[in-house]
Amino acid sequence: MTTETQKTERAERAKARRKELQTLSGIAKKRMEADLEGYTVNEALIQMYREANPKIKEFKTLKEWNKLGFSISKGETAFLVWGRPNQAQEEQEQAEPQTQEDNEEIFYPVCYLFSNLQVKERENGKD
């Protein structure tokens, strides 16, 4: 498989995950209007994930779990939430006042979270 093909496939998967998160966010917004008033979209998404599996106690990124000495179990799929805009965009926000139209153009990356049910403690610091 060529590098270009791999890049294209990776981009397609990322696009599909982003579309999935947009759909989930639409559902979360409806829940926010109905019974999750005062929640952010990410908070509503996390609440929905917890309702789907009450055994979930916490969510962390891969990096956070690794730092605590855990690894993600093979075959697990991340829960999707919105990440923070990158630092360059935040600096631009502070430099220039933005209108509502400008605000809609801010790019929010997809953030991947894993629950406590998807990790295992590493033995001697190794997988």
N, C-alpha and C. Protein backbone atom coordinates (compact mmCIF):
# COMPACT_ATOMS: atom_id res chain seq x y z
N MET A 1 0.85 -1.17 0.00
CA MET A 1 0.00 0.00 0.00
C MET A 1 0.90 1.24 0.00
N THR A 2 0.58 2.18 -0.83
CA THR A 2 1.41 3.36 -0.92
C THR A 2 1.08 4.35 0.19
N THR A 3 2.00 5.24 0.42
CA THR A 3 1.80 6.25 1.45
C THR A 3 0.62 7.15 1.10
N GLU A 4 0.46 7.49 -0.17
CA GLU A 4 -0.67 8.33 -0.58
C GLU A 4 -1.99 7.63 -0.31
N THR A 5 -2.05 6.35 -0.58
CA THR A 5 -3.27 5.58 -0.33
C THR A 5 -3.57 5.56 1.16
N GLN A 6 -2.55 5.37 1.98
CA GLN A 6 -2.73 5.36 3.43
C GLN A 6 -3.24 6.71 3.92
N LYS A 7 -2.66 7.80 3.40
CA LYS A 7 -3.11 9.14 3.79
C LYS A 7 -4.56 9.36 3.40
N THR A 8 -4.94 8.91 2.23
CA THR A 8 -6.31 9.06 1.77
C THR A 8 -7.27 8.28 2.65
N GLU A 9 -6.91 7.03 2.96
CA GLU A 9 -7.76 6.21 3.83
C GLU A 9 -7.89 6.81 5.21
N ARG A 10 -6.79 7.31 5.76
CA ARG A 10 -6.80 7.95 7.07
C ARG A 10 -7.70 9.18 7.06
N ALA A 11 -7.61 9.96 5.99
CA ALA A 11 -8.43 11.17 5.88
C ALA A 11 -9.92 10.79 5.78
N GLU A 12 -10.22 9.73 5.06
CA GLU A 12 -11.60 9.28 4.93
C GLU A 12 -12.16 8.81 6.27
N ARG A 13 -11.35 8.08 7.04
CA ARG A 13 -11.79 7.62 8.37
C ARG A 13 -12.02 8.81 9.30
N ALA A 14 -11.13 9.78 9.24
CA ALA A 14 -11.28 10.97 10.08
C ALA A 14 -12.54 11.74 9.70
N LYS A 15 -12.80 11.82 8.42
CA LYS A 15 -14.01 12.52 7.95
C LYS A 15 -15.26 11.79 8.43
N ALA A 16 -15.25 10.47 8.39
CA ALA A 16 -16.39 9.67 8.85
C ALA A 16 -16.61 9.84 10.35
N ARG A 17 -15.53 9.86 11.12
CA ARG A 17 -15.67 10.06 12.58
C ARG A 17 -16.20 11.45 12.89
N ARG A 18 -15.75 12.44 12.16
CA ARG A 18 -16.23 13.81 12.36
C ARG A 18 -17.72 13.89 12.05
N LYS A 19 -18.14 13.25 10.97
CA LYS A 19 -19.56 13.24 10.61
C LYS A 19 -20.38 12.52 11.69
N GLU A 20 -19.85 11.42 12.22
CA GLU A 20 -20.52 10.69 13.30
C GLU A 20 -20.68 11.58 14.53
N LEU A 21 -19.62 12.33 14.86
CA LEU A 21 -19.67 13.22 16.02
C LEU A 21 -20.67 14.36 15.79
N GLN A 22 -20.76 14.84 14.58
CA GLN A 22 -21.74 15.89 14.28
C GLN A 22 -23.16 15.37 14.48
N THR A 23 -23.41 14.14 14.06
CA THR A 23 -24.72 13.52 14.26
C THR A 23 -25.01 13.35 15.75
N LEU A 24 -24.05 12.82 16.49
CA LEU A 24 -24.21 12.65 17.93
C LEU A 24 -24.43 14.00 18.62
N SER A 25 -23.76 15.03 18.15
CA SER A 25 -23.91 16.36 18.74
C SER A 25 -25.32 16.90 18.52
N GLY A 26 -25.91 16.59 17.37
CA GLY A 26 -27.29 17.00 17.12
C GLY A 26 -28.24 16.35 18.11
N ILE A 27 -28.01 15.08 18.40
CA ILE A 27 -28.83 14.37 19.39
C ILE A 27 -28.60 14.98 20.77
N ALA A 28 -27.34 15.28 21.08
CA ALA A 28 -27.02 15.87 22.39
C ALA A 28 -27.69 17.23 22.55
N LYS A 29 -27.73 18.02 21.49
CA LYS A 29 -28.37 19.34 21.57
C LYS A 29 -29.86 19.21 21.86
N LYS A 30 -30.50 18.21 21.27
CA LYS A 30 -31.92 17.98 21.56
C LYS A 30 -32.11 17.57 23.01
N ARG A 31 -31.21 16.74 23.51
CA ARG A 31 -31.27 16.34 24.93
C ARG A 31 -31.04 17.55 25.84
N MET A 32 -30.16 18.45 25.42
CA MET A 32 -29.88 19.65 26.21
C MET A 32 -31.14 20.50 26.34
N GLU A 33 -31.92 20.56 25.30
CA GLU A 33 -33.18 21.32 25.33
C GLU A 33 -34.22 20.61 26.19
N ALA A 34 -34.21 19.29 26.16
CA ALA A 34 -35.23 18.50 26.85
C ALA A 34 -34.93 18.32 28.34
N ASP A 35 -33.81 17.69 28.67
CA ASP A 35 -33.57 17.36 30.07
C ASP A 35 -32.14 17.57 30.55
N LEU A 36 -31.28 18.11 29.72
CA LEU A 36 -29.90 18.36 30.13
C LEU A 36 -29.56 19.85 30.02
N GLU A 37 -30.50 20.67 30.45
CA GLU A 37 -30.34 22.11 30.38
C GLU A 37 -29.11 22.54 31.18
N GLY A 38 -28.33 23.43 30.62
CA GLY A 38 -27.13 23.92 31.28
C GLY A 38 -25.88 23.12 30.96
N TYR A 39 -26.02 22.00 30.27
CA TYR A 39 -24.87 21.18 29.88
C TYR A 39 -24.25 21.75 28.61
N THR A 40 -22.95 21.53 28.44
CA THR A 40 -22.31 21.81 27.15
C THR A 40 -22.56 20.60 26.26
N VAL A 41 -22.25 20.71 24.99
CA VAL A 41 -22.42 19.58 24.08
C VAL A 41 -21.57 18.40 24.56
N ASN A 42 -20.31 18.65 24.92
CA ASN A 42 -19.45 17.55 25.39
C ASN A 42 -19.98 16.92 26.67
N GLU A 43 -20.46 17.73 27.59
CA GLU A 43 -21.03 17.18 28.83
C GLU A 43 -22.26 16.32 28.54
N ALA A 44 -23.08 16.78 27.59
CA ALA A 44 -24.26 16.00 27.21
C ALA A 44 -23.85 14.70 26.54
N LEU A 45 -22.84 14.73 25.68
CA LEU A 45 -22.36 13.51 25.03
C LEU A 45 -21.86 12.52 26.07
N ILE A 46 -21.07 12.99 27.02
CA ILE A 46 -20.53 12.11 28.05
C ILE A 46 -21.66 11.54 28.90
N GLN A 47 -22.66 12.35 29.22
CA GLN A 47 -23.81 11.85 29.98
C GLN A 47 -24.54 10.76 29.19
N MET A 48 -24.68 10.96 27.89
CA MET A 48 -25.34 9.95 27.05
C MET A 48 -24.52 8.65 27.03
N TYR A 49 -23.20 8.76 26.95
CA TYR A 49 -22.35 7.57 26.96
C TYR A 49 -22.49 6.83 28.29
N ARG A 50 -22.54 7.59 29.37
CA ARG A 50 -22.70 6.97 30.70
C ARG A 50 -24.06 6.30 30.86
N GLU A 51 -25.09 6.91 30.32
CA GLU A 51 -26.43 6.32 30.40
C GLU A 51 -26.48 5.01 29.62
N ALA A 52 -25.73 4.94 28.53
CA ALA A 52 -25.70 3.73 27.72
C ALA A 52 -24.99 2.58 28.46
N ASN A 53 -24.04 2.92 29.34
CA ASN A 53 -23.34 1.91 30.13
C ASN A 53 -23.05 2.48 31.52
N PRO A 54 -23.93 2.23 32.48
CA PRO A 54 -23.78 2.79 33.82
C PRO A 54 -22.51 2.38 34.57
N LYS A 55 -21.80 1.37 34.09
CA LYS A 55 -20.55 0.95 34.75
C LYS A 55 -19.39 1.90 34.47
N ILE A 56 -19.56 2.78 33.50
CA ILE A 56 -18.50 3.75 33.18
C ILE A 56 -18.40 4.75 34.32
N LYS A 57 -17.19 4.89 34.84
CA LYS A 57 -16.94 5.83 35.94
C LYS A 57 -16.20 7.08 35.48
N GLU A 58 -15.28 6.91 34.52
CA GLU A 58 -14.50 8.06 34.08
C GLU A 58 -14.01 7.88 32.65
N PHE A 59 -13.72 9.01 32.03
CA PHE A 59 -13.18 9.05 30.68
C PHE A 59 -11.85 9.79 30.72
N LYS A 60 -10.90 9.32 29.93
CA LYS A 60 -9.62 9.99 29.78
C LYS A 60 -9.12 9.76 28.36
N THR A 61 -8.20 10.61 27.94
CA THR A 61 -7.57 10.41 26.64
C THR A 61 -6.54 9.29 26.75
N LEU A 62 -6.08 8.80 25.62
CA LEU A 62 -5.04 7.77 25.60
C LEU A 62 -3.81 8.24 26.38
N LYS A 63 -3.41 9.46 26.14
CA LYS A 63 -2.23 10.01 26.81
C LYS A 63 -2.42 10.03 28.33
N GLU A 64 -3.61 10.43 28.79
CA GLU A 64 -3.87 10.48 30.23
C GLU A 64 -3.85 9.08 30.85
N TRP A 65 -4.45 8.10 30.17
CA TRP A 65 -4.44 6.72 30.69
C TRP A 65 -3.01 6.19 30.73
N ASN A 66 -2.24 6.44 29.66
CA ASN A 66 -0.86 5.97 29.63
C ASN A 66 -0.03 6.57 30.76
N LYS A 67 -0.24 7.84 31.03
CA LYS A 67 0.49 8.52 32.10
C LYS A 67 0.19 7.89 33.46
N LEU A 68 -1.02 7.36 33.63
CA LEU A 68 -1.42 6.71 34.88
C LEU A 68 -1.01 5.23 34.94
N GLY A 69 -0.36 4.74 33.87
CA GLY A 69 0.11 3.35 33.87
C GLY A 69 -0.88 2.36 33.29
N PHE A 70 -1.81 2.83 32.49
CA PHE A 70 -2.79 1.95 31.86
C PHE A 70 -2.60 1.96 30.35
N SER A 71 -3.07 0.90 29.72
CA SER A 71 -3.09 0.85 28.25
C SER A 71 -4.51 0.51 27.82
N ILE A 72 -4.84 0.85 26.60
CA ILE A 72 -6.16 0.58 26.07
C ILE A 72 -6.20 -0.89 25.64
N SER A 73 -7.25 -1.58 26.00
CA SER A 73 -7.41 -2.99 25.61
C SER A 73 -7.57 -3.08 24.10
N LYS A 74 -6.99 -4.12 23.54
CA LYS A 74 -7.02 -4.33 22.10
C LYS A 74 -8.46 -4.38 21.59
N GLY A 75 -8.70 -3.69 20.47
CA GLY A 75 -10.01 -3.72 19.82
C GLY A 75 -11.01 -2.70 20.33
N GLU A 76 -10.63 -1.92 21.34
CA GLU A 76 -11.56 -0.93 21.89
C GLU A 76 -11.70 0.27 20.96
N THR A 77 -12.87 0.84 20.95
CA THR A 77 -13.16 2.01 20.12
C THR A 77 -13.39 3.21 21.02
N ALA A 78 -12.83 4.33 20.64
CA ALA A 78 -12.91 5.54 21.45
C ALA A 78 -14.31 6.14 21.41
N PHE A 79 -14.63 6.86 22.48
CA PHE A 79 -15.83 7.69 22.53
C PHE A 79 -15.44 9.04 21.96
N LEU A 80 -16.31 9.63 21.18
CA LEU A 80 -15.99 10.88 20.50
C LEU A 80 -16.58 12.08 21.22
N VAL A 81 -15.77 13.11 21.39
CA VAL A 81 -16.22 14.41 21.88
C VAL A 81 -15.44 15.47 21.10
N TRP A 82 -15.81 16.72 21.28
CA TRP A 82 -15.11 17.80 20.60
C TRP A 82 -13.90 18.23 21.41
N GLY A 83 -12.79 18.45 20.71
CA GLY A 83 -11.58 18.96 21.35
C GLY A 83 -11.57 20.47 21.34
N ARG A 84 -10.56 21.03 21.96
CA ARG A 84 -10.40 22.49 21.97
C ARG A 84 -9.75 22.92 20.66
N PRO A 85 -10.10 24.13 20.20
CA PRO A 85 -9.40 24.64 19.00
C PRO A 85 -7.91 24.72 19.29
N ASN A 86 -7.11 24.54 18.24
CA ASN A 86 -5.67 24.56 18.49
C ASN A 86 -5.20 25.94 18.94
N GLN A 87 -4.00 26.02 19.48
CA GLN A 87 -3.49 27.23 20.11
C GLN A 87 -3.40 28.40 19.13
N ALA A 88 -3.05 28.15 17.89
CA ALA A 88 -2.94 29.24 16.91
C ALA A 88 -4.28 29.92 16.73
N GLN A 89 -5.36 29.15 16.71
CA GLN A 89 -6.69 29.74 16.57
C GLN A 89 -7.07 30.52 17.82
N GLU A 90 -6.70 30.02 19.01
CA GLU A 90 -7.01 30.72 20.24
C GLU A 90 -6.29 32.06 20.30
N GLU A 91 -5.03 32.10 19.85
CA GLU A 91 -4.27 33.34 19.83
C GLU A 91 -4.91 34.33 18.88
N GLN A 92 -5.40 33.84 17.73
CA GLN A 92 -6.06 34.70 16.76
C GLN A 92 -7.35 35.26 17.36
N GLU A 93 -8.07 34.45 18.13
CA GLU A 93 -9.30 34.90 18.77
C GLU A 93 -9.02 36.07 19.70
N GLN A 94 -7.93 35.98 20.45
CA GLN A 94 -7.60 37.03 21.40
C GLN A 94 -7.14 38.29 20.68
N ALA A 95 -6.51 38.14 19.53
CA ALA A 95 -5.99 39.28 18.80
C ALA A 95 -7.09 40.06 18.08
N GLU A 96 -8.09 39.36 17.58
CA GLU A 96 -9.13 40.00 16.80
C GLU A 96 -10.51 39.71 17.39
N PRO A 97 -11.31 40.74 17.59
CA PRO A 97 -12.69 40.47 18.01
C PRO A 97 -13.42 39.73 16.89
N GLN A 98 -14.27 38.79 17.24
CA GLN A 98 -14.93 37.99 16.23
C GLN A 98 -16.43 38.23 16.22
N THR A 99 -16.99 38.10 15.05
CA THR A 99 -18.44 38.15 14.91
C THR A 99 -18.97 36.74 15.03
N GLN A 100 -20.28 36.60 15.07
CA GLN A 100 -20.89 35.26 15.16
C GLN A 100 -20.49 34.42 13.95
N GLU A 101 -20.42 35.03 12.76
CA GLU A 101 -20.04 34.28 11.56
C GLU A 101 -18.62 33.73 11.70
N ASP A 102 -17.70 34.56 12.19
CA ASP A 102 -16.32 34.12 12.39
C ASP A 102 -16.26 32.97 13.37
N ASN A 103 -17.06 33.05 14.42
CA ASN A 103 -17.07 32.04 15.47
C ASN A 103 -17.48 30.68 14.92
N GLU A 104 -18.38 30.65 13.95
CA GLU A 104 -18.84 29.39 13.36
C GLU A 104 -17.76 28.72 12.54
N GLU A 105 -16.74 29.48 12.12
CA GLU A 105 -15.70 28.93 11.27
C GLU A 105 -14.54 28.34 12.08
N ILE A 106 -14.57 28.47 13.39
CA ILE A 106 -13.50 27.91 14.23
C ILE A 106 -13.53 26.39 14.08
N PHE A 107 -12.37 25.81 13.88
CA PHE A 107 -12.27 24.37 13.70
C PHE A 107 -12.05 23.69 15.04
N TYR A 108 -13.00 22.85 15.42
CA TYR A 108 -12.88 22.07 16.63
C TYR A 108 -12.48 20.65 16.24
N PRO A 109 -11.33 20.18 16.71
CA PRO A 109 -10.91 18.82 16.36
C PRO A 109 -11.74 17.78 17.10
N VAL A 110 -11.70 16.56 16.61
CA VAL A 110 -12.35 15.44 17.29
C VAL A 110 -11.39 14.96 18.38
N CYS A 111 -11.92 14.73 19.57
CA CYS A 111 -11.12 14.23 20.69
C CYS A 111 -11.59 12.81 21.00
N TYR A 112 -10.66 11.92 21.24
CA TYR A 112 -10.96 10.51 21.48
C TYR A 112 -10.78 10.19 22.95
N LEU A 113 -11.83 9.72 23.59
CA LEU A 113 -11.79 9.36 25.01
C LEU A 113 -12.02 7.86 25.18
N PHE A 114 -11.42 7.32 26.23
CA PHE A 114 -11.62 5.92 26.59
C PHE A 114 -12.11 5.87 28.03
N SER A 115 -12.98 4.91 28.31
CA SER A 115 -13.53 4.79 29.67
C SER A 115 -12.68 3.83 30.49
N ASN A 116 -12.98 3.83 31.79
CA ASN A 116 -12.30 2.92 32.71
C ASN A 116 -12.54 1.45 32.34
N LEU A 117 -13.60 1.16 31.61
CA LEU A 117 -13.91 -0.22 31.20
C LEU A 117 -13.07 -0.69 30.01
N GLN A 118 -12.36 0.23 29.39
CA GLN A 118 -11.61 -0.10 28.17
C GLN A 118 -10.11 -0.19 28.39
N VAL A 119 -9.67 -0.08 29.64
CA VAL A 119 -8.24 -0.06 29.90
C VAL A 119 -7.82 -1.20 30.81
N LYS A 120 -6.54 -1.48 30.78
CA LYS A 120 -5.95 -2.47 31.69
C LYS A 120 -4.64 -1.90 32.21
N GLU A 121 -4.33 -2.25 33.45
CA GLU A 121 -3.10 -1.76 34.06
C GLU A 121 -1.92 -2.48 33.43
N ARG A 122 -0.90 -1.71 33.11
CA ARG A 122 0.31 -2.30 32.53
C ARG A 122 1.10 -3.03 33.59
N GLU A 123 1.69 -4.14 33.20
CA GLU A 123 2.56 -4.89 34.10
C GLU A 123 3.98 -4.36 33.94
N ASN A 124 4.58 -3.93 35.05
CA ASN A 124 5.96 -3.41 35.03
C ASN A 124 6.17 -2.30 34.02
N GLY A 125 5.12 -1.50 33.78
CA GLY A 125 5.24 -0.37 32.87
C GLY A 125 5.21 -0.74 31.40
N LYS A 126 4.93 -2.02 31.08
CA LYS A 126 4.89 -2.45 29.68
C LYS A 126 3.55 -3.10 29.39
N ASP A 127 3.19 -3.12 28.10
CA ASP A 127 1.95 -3.79 27.69
C ASP A 127 2.08 -5.28 27.77
